[in-house]
Amino acid sequence: MQSLKWFGHSTFLITSDQGLRILTDPFGKDVPYPGIDVTVDVVTVSHQHFDHNAADLAKGNPVVLEGVARKGSDFVKVDRTIKDTHFRTVKTFHDPERGTKRGLNAVFVMADASTTVCHLGDLGHVVDEETAREIGPVDILLIPVGGYYTIGASEGWEVVDRLKPRVVIPMHYKTPAVATWPIASVEEFLKGKDRVRRVGSSELCLGEGNLPESTEVFVLEPPARS
């Protein structure tokens, strides 16, 4: 992976080793972060909620990979290689009751030659051993930690302990842009933890040569409205 940029919420721009530009879970215009104005090759959508499925905002006529169908809310099994990156989905749920409250959620596993990135979408439960095996080895884990709509701090650490990624990047938590939302700040997830690096930027360059040996949390800065 060449680089990763956080737009806020669960939206990242990931650039692969060969320059493939991937936009994850783009939020719609009703989400009060700065707008998404990027040209990309691929858009991934973990589930069909307005704050995760605004693929139409991406420029460049990208390939859109949806892990949950727009009609019928069925899980979509993705297993596809685009340029140098392989994309696959793992079925999970948006709540602890197997989707009865908020529906399905697709975990996206994206791997180029050097790095495997796992975007957990709006995961609503701790993954079991079978799901962890299906996800497989992870270098960079993009994990929701704000609770209420997704897993929170304690469940997040259970997931981290099960998947054992080298890098953990929290997402989907309270920031000044979404101060009125009923989710927790990232500090709940970081409380009492060492091996935490506050990046001081919304962008990060990580690849095979500079990944930590053991799990480390990288906290990105959300973009601010101008």
Protein backbone atom coordinates (compact mmCIF):
# COMPACT_ATOMS: atom_id res chain seq x y z
CA MET A 1 0.00 0.00 0.00
CA GLN A 2 1.25 3.46 -0.88
CA SER A 3 -0.97 5.60 1.32
CA LEU A 4 -4.17 5.96 3.29
CA LYS A 5 -6.25 9.09 3.89
CA TRP A 6 -9.21 9.45 6.27
CA PHE A 7 -12.15 11.64 5.23
CA GLY A 8 -13.98 11.06 8.52
CA HIS A 9 -16.49 8.45 9.70
CA SER A 10 -15.68 5.20 7.82
CA THR A 11 -14.46 6.78 4.58
CA PHE A 12 -10.84 6.27 3.54
CA LEU A 13 -8.92 6.72 0.32
CA ILE A 14 -6.48 3.83 0.00
CA THR A 15 -3.83 3.85 -2.72
CA SER A 16 -2.32 0.49 -3.63
CA ASP A 17 1.29 -0.28 -4.54
CA GLN A 18 0.50 0.23 -8.23
CA GLY A 19 -1.62 3.34 -7.70
CA LEU A 20 -5.12 1.85 -7.61
CA ARG A 21 -7.30 4.37 -5.74
CA ILE A 22 -9.93 2.81 -3.48
CA LEU A 23 -12.65 4.74 -1.63
CA THR A 24 -14.29 2.93 1.28
CA ASP A 25 -17.85 3.51 2.58
CA PRO A 26 -18.36 7.04 1.24
CA PHE A 27 -20.73 9.06 3.40
CA GLY A 28 -23.59 11.08 1.93
CA LYS A 29 -24.03 14.84 1.93
CA ASP A 30 -26.07 14.76 5.14
CA VAL A 31 -22.99 13.69 7.12
CA PRO A 32 -21.30 16.88 8.40
CA TYR A 33 -17.72 16.21 7.37
CA PRO A 34 -16.08 18.08 4.49
CA GLY A 35 -17.37 16.75 1.19
CA ILE A 36 -15.69 13.94 -0.73
CA ASP A 37 -14.13 15.29 -3.92
CA VAL A 38 -11.81 12.60 -5.30
CA THR A 39 -11.30 10.62 -8.47
CA VAL A 40 -11.01 6.90 -7.74
CA ASP A 41 -10.90 3.52 -9.44
CA VAL A 42 -12.89 1.45 -6.94
CA VAL A 43 -15.54 2.15 -4.30
CA THR A 44 -16.36 -0.39 -1.58
CA VAL A 45 -19.68 -0.32 0.29
CA SER A 46 -20.08 -2.39 3.45
CA HIS A 47 -23.85 -1.89 3.75
CA GLN A 48 -26.65 0.25 2.40
CA HIS A 49 -26.97 3.10 4.90
CA PHE A 50 -26.73 6.75 3.82
CA ASP A 51 -23.51 7.35 5.74
CA HIS A 52 -21.72 4.49 3.97
CA ASN A 53 -23.12 4.04 0.44
CA ALA A 54 -22.81 7.38 -1.39
CA ALA A 55 -20.80 5.85 -4.22
CA ASP A 56 -22.30 8.35 -6.66
CA LEU A 57 -20.19 11.11 -5.07
CA ALA A 58 -16.96 9.49 -6.26
CA LYS A 59 -15.50 10.81 -9.52
CA GLY A 60 -13.85 8.84 -12.29
CA ASN A 61 -16.49 6.22 -13.16
CA PRO A 62 -15.18 3.74 -10.55
CA VAL A 63 -16.03 0.08 -10.15
CA VAL A 64 -18.49 -0.12 -7.23
CA LEU A 65 -18.22 -3.22 -5.04
CA GLU A 66 -21.23 -3.58 -2.75
CA GLY A 67 -21.11 -6.11 0.07
CA VAL A 68 -24.85 -5.88 0.68
CA ALA A 69 -27.33 -5.59 -2.18
CA ARG A 70 -29.35 -2.39 -2.55
CA LYS A 71 -32.56 -4.37 -3.06
CA GLY A 72 -33.42 -7.22 -0.74
CA SER A 73 -30.50 -6.51 1.60
CA ASP A 74 -28.81 -9.78 0.67
CA PHE A 75 -25.12 -10.36 1.32
CA VAL A 76 -23.00 -10.09 -1.83
CA LYS A 77 -19.93 -12.30 -2.01
CA VAL A 78 -17.13 -10.30 -3.62
CA ASP A 79 -14.04 -12.18 -4.79
CA ARG A 80 -12.35 -10.10 -7.44
CA THR A 81 -8.97 -8.74 -8.45
CA ILE A 82 -8.71 -5.25 -9.92
CA LYS A 83 -5.26 -4.21 -11.11
CA ASP A 84 -2.92 -5.26 -8.27
CA THR A 85 -5.52 -5.56 -5.50
CA HIS A 86 -7.69 -8.52 -4.54
CA PHE A 87 -11.05 -7.71 -2.92
CA ARG A 88 -13.20 -10.14 -0.97
CA THR A 89 -16.07 -9.85 1.46
CA VAL A 90 -16.87 -11.67 4.69
CA LYS A 91 -20.44 -11.78 5.97
CA THR A 92 -21.09 -10.17 9.37
CA PHE A 93 -23.93 -8.24 10.99
CA HIS A 94 -24.68 -4.64 11.96
CA ASP A 95 -25.89 -5.65 15.44
CA PRO A 96 -25.40 -8.41 18.02
CA GLU A 97 -28.75 -10.04 17.05
CA ARG A 98 -27.56 -11.33 13.68
CA GLY A 99 -28.92 -8.37 11.76
CA THR A 100 -32.45 -8.31 13.11
CA LYS A 101 -32.06 -4.67 14.21
CA ARG A 102 -29.82 -3.07 11.59
CA GLY A 103 -29.23 -5.69 8.92
CA LEU A 104 -26.16 -7.19 7.32
CA ASN A 105 -22.63 -5.81 7.19
CA ALA A 106 -19.84 -6.84 4.84
CA VAL A 107 -16.21 -6.84 5.95
CA PHE A 108 -13.92 -5.97 3.02
CA VAL A 109 -10.47 -7.55 2.86
CA MET A 110 -8.22 -5.81 0.33
CA ALA A 111 -4.74 -7.10 -0.45
CA ASP A 112 -2.04 -5.90 -2.82
CA ALA A 113 1.45 -7.41 -3.05
CA SER A 114 2.70 -5.84 0.18
CA THR A 115 -0.23 -5.19 2.51
CA THR A 116 -3.61 -6.59 3.54
CA VAL A 117 -6.15 -4.00 4.70
CA CYS A 118 -9.37 -5.03 6.44
CA HIS A 119 -12.27 -2.55 6.60
CA LEU A 120 -14.84 -3.74 9.13
CA GLY A 121 -17.66 -1.44 8.01
CA ASP A 122 -20.35 -1.08 10.67
CA LEU A 123 -19.50 -4.28 12.49
CA GLY A 124 -22.00 -4.71 15.31
CA HIS A 125 -20.63 -7.72 17.18
CA VAL A 126 -17.41 -9.45 18.17
CA VAL A 127 -16.27 -11.77 15.38
CA ASP A 128 -16.12 -15.46 16.26
CA GLU A 129 -13.20 -17.75 15.48
CA GLU A 130 -14.77 -18.96 12.24
CA THR A 131 -15.23 -15.41 10.96
CA ALA A 132 -11.70 -14.50 12.06
CA ARG A 133 -10.33 -17.42 10.06
CA GLU A 134 -12.35 -16.32 7.03
CA ILE A 135 -10.95 -12.79 7.34
CA GLY A 136 -7.43 -14.21 7.64
CA PRO A 137 -4.16 -12.39 8.36
CA VAL A 138 -4.49 -8.60 8.54
CA ASP A 139 -1.79 -5.94 8.37
CA ILE A 140 -4.00 -2.85 8.75
CA LEU A 141 -7.37 -3.01 10.50
CA LEU A 142 -9.90 -0.19 10.04
CA ILE A 143 -12.24 -0.65 12.99
CA PRO A 144 -15.35 1.16 14.29
CA VAL A 145 -15.01 2.00 17.98
CA GLY A 146 -17.74 4.55 18.78
CA GLY A 147 -20.42 2.14 19.95
CA TYR A 148 -24.22 2.66 19.78
CA TYR A 149 -24.48 1.82 16.06
CA THR A 150 -21.42 -0.46 16.03
CA ILE A 151 -19.08 -2.20 18.41
CA GLY A 152 -17.59 0.03 21.07
CA ALA A 153 -14.26 0.19 22.87
CA SER A 154 -14.32 -3.12 24.76
CA GLU A 155 -15.72 -5.13 21.85
CA GLY A 156 -13.23 -3.42 19.58
CA TRP A 157 -10.34 -4.72 21.62
CA GLU A 158 -11.83 -8.21 21.58
CA VAL A 159 -11.86 -8.02 17.79
CA VAL A 160 -8.27 -6.72 17.73
CA ASP A 161 -7.14 -9.54 20.01
CA ARG A 162 -8.81 -12.07 17.73
CA LEU A 163 -7.53 -10.71 14.41
CA LYS A 164 -4.08 -9.63 15.66
CA PRO A 165 -3.37 -6.92 13.05
CA ARG A 166 -0.08 -5.05 12.98
CA VAL A 167 -1.80 -1.67 12.68
CA VAL A 168 -5.16 -0.61 14.14
CA ILE A 169 -6.83 2.54 12.80
CA PRO A 170 -9.99 3.55 14.70
CA MET A 171 -12.96 5.00 12.80
CA HIS A 172 -16.68 5.74 13.27
CA TYR A 173 -16.33 7.66 16.54
CA LYS A 174 -17.34 11.09 17.85
CA THR A 175 -15.36 14.06 16.52
CA PRO A 176 -16.19 17.80 16.49
CA ALA A 177 -17.95 17.32 13.14
CA VAL A 178 -20.40 14.81 14.63
CA ALA A 179 -20.46 16.10 18.20
CA THR A 180 -24.23 15.57 18.49
CA TRP A 181 -24.14 11.91 17.45
CA PRO A 182 -24.69 9.35 20.24
CA ILE A 183 -21.29 7.68 19.82
CA ALA A 184 -18.18 7.74 21.99
CA SER A 185 -14.92 9.50 21.27
CA VAL A 186 -11.78 7.59 20.37
CA GLU A 187 -10.44 8.23 23.88
CA GLU A 188 -12.68 5.46 25.25
CA PHE A 189 -10.91 3.01 22.94
CA LEU A 190 -7.44 4.33 23.82
CA LYS A 191 -7.92 4.48 27.60
CA GLY A 192 -5.16 2.63 29.45
CA LYS A 193 -3.48 1.44 26.26
CA ASP A 194 0.14 1.86 25.25
CA ARG A 195 1.55 1.53 21.73
CA VAL A 196 -0.67 4.39 20.55
CA ARG A 197 0.61 6.80 17.94
CA ARG A 198 -1.26 10.04 17.28
CA VAL A 199 -0.40 10.79 13.67
CA GLY A 200 -1.40 14.48 13.70
CA SER A 201 -2.69 14.22 10.14
CA SER A 202 -5.52 12.61 8.20
CA GLU A 203 -2.96 10.86 5.96
CA LEU A 204 -0.58 7.99 6.54
CA CYS A 205 1.94 6.05 4.45
CA LEU A 206 2.35 2.44 5.54
CA GLY A 207 3.68 -0.53 3.65
CA GLU A 208 5.60 -3.74 4.01
CA GLY A 209 8.81 -1.98 5.01
CA ASN A 210 7.48 0.19 7.81
CA LEU A 211 4.76 -1.80 9.56
CA PRO A 212 5.27 -2.35 13.30
CA GLU A 213 6.27 -5.80 14.50
CA SER A 214 3.39 -6.01 17.00
CA THR A 215 -0.01 -4.35 17.19
CA GLU A 216 0.07 -0.57 17.33
CA VAL A 217 -2.81 1.93 17.17
CA PHE A 218 -2.52 4.85 14.74
CA VAL A 219 -4.97 7.68 15.44
CA LEU A 220 -5.63 9.88 12.42
CA GLU A 221 -6.93 13.45 12.56
CA PRO A 222 -10.35 13.97 10.98
CA PRO A 223 -10.48 16.67 8.32
CA ALA A 224 -11.86 19.99 9.49
CA ARG A 225 -14.37 22.10 7.62
CA SER A 226 -12.76 25.18 6.08
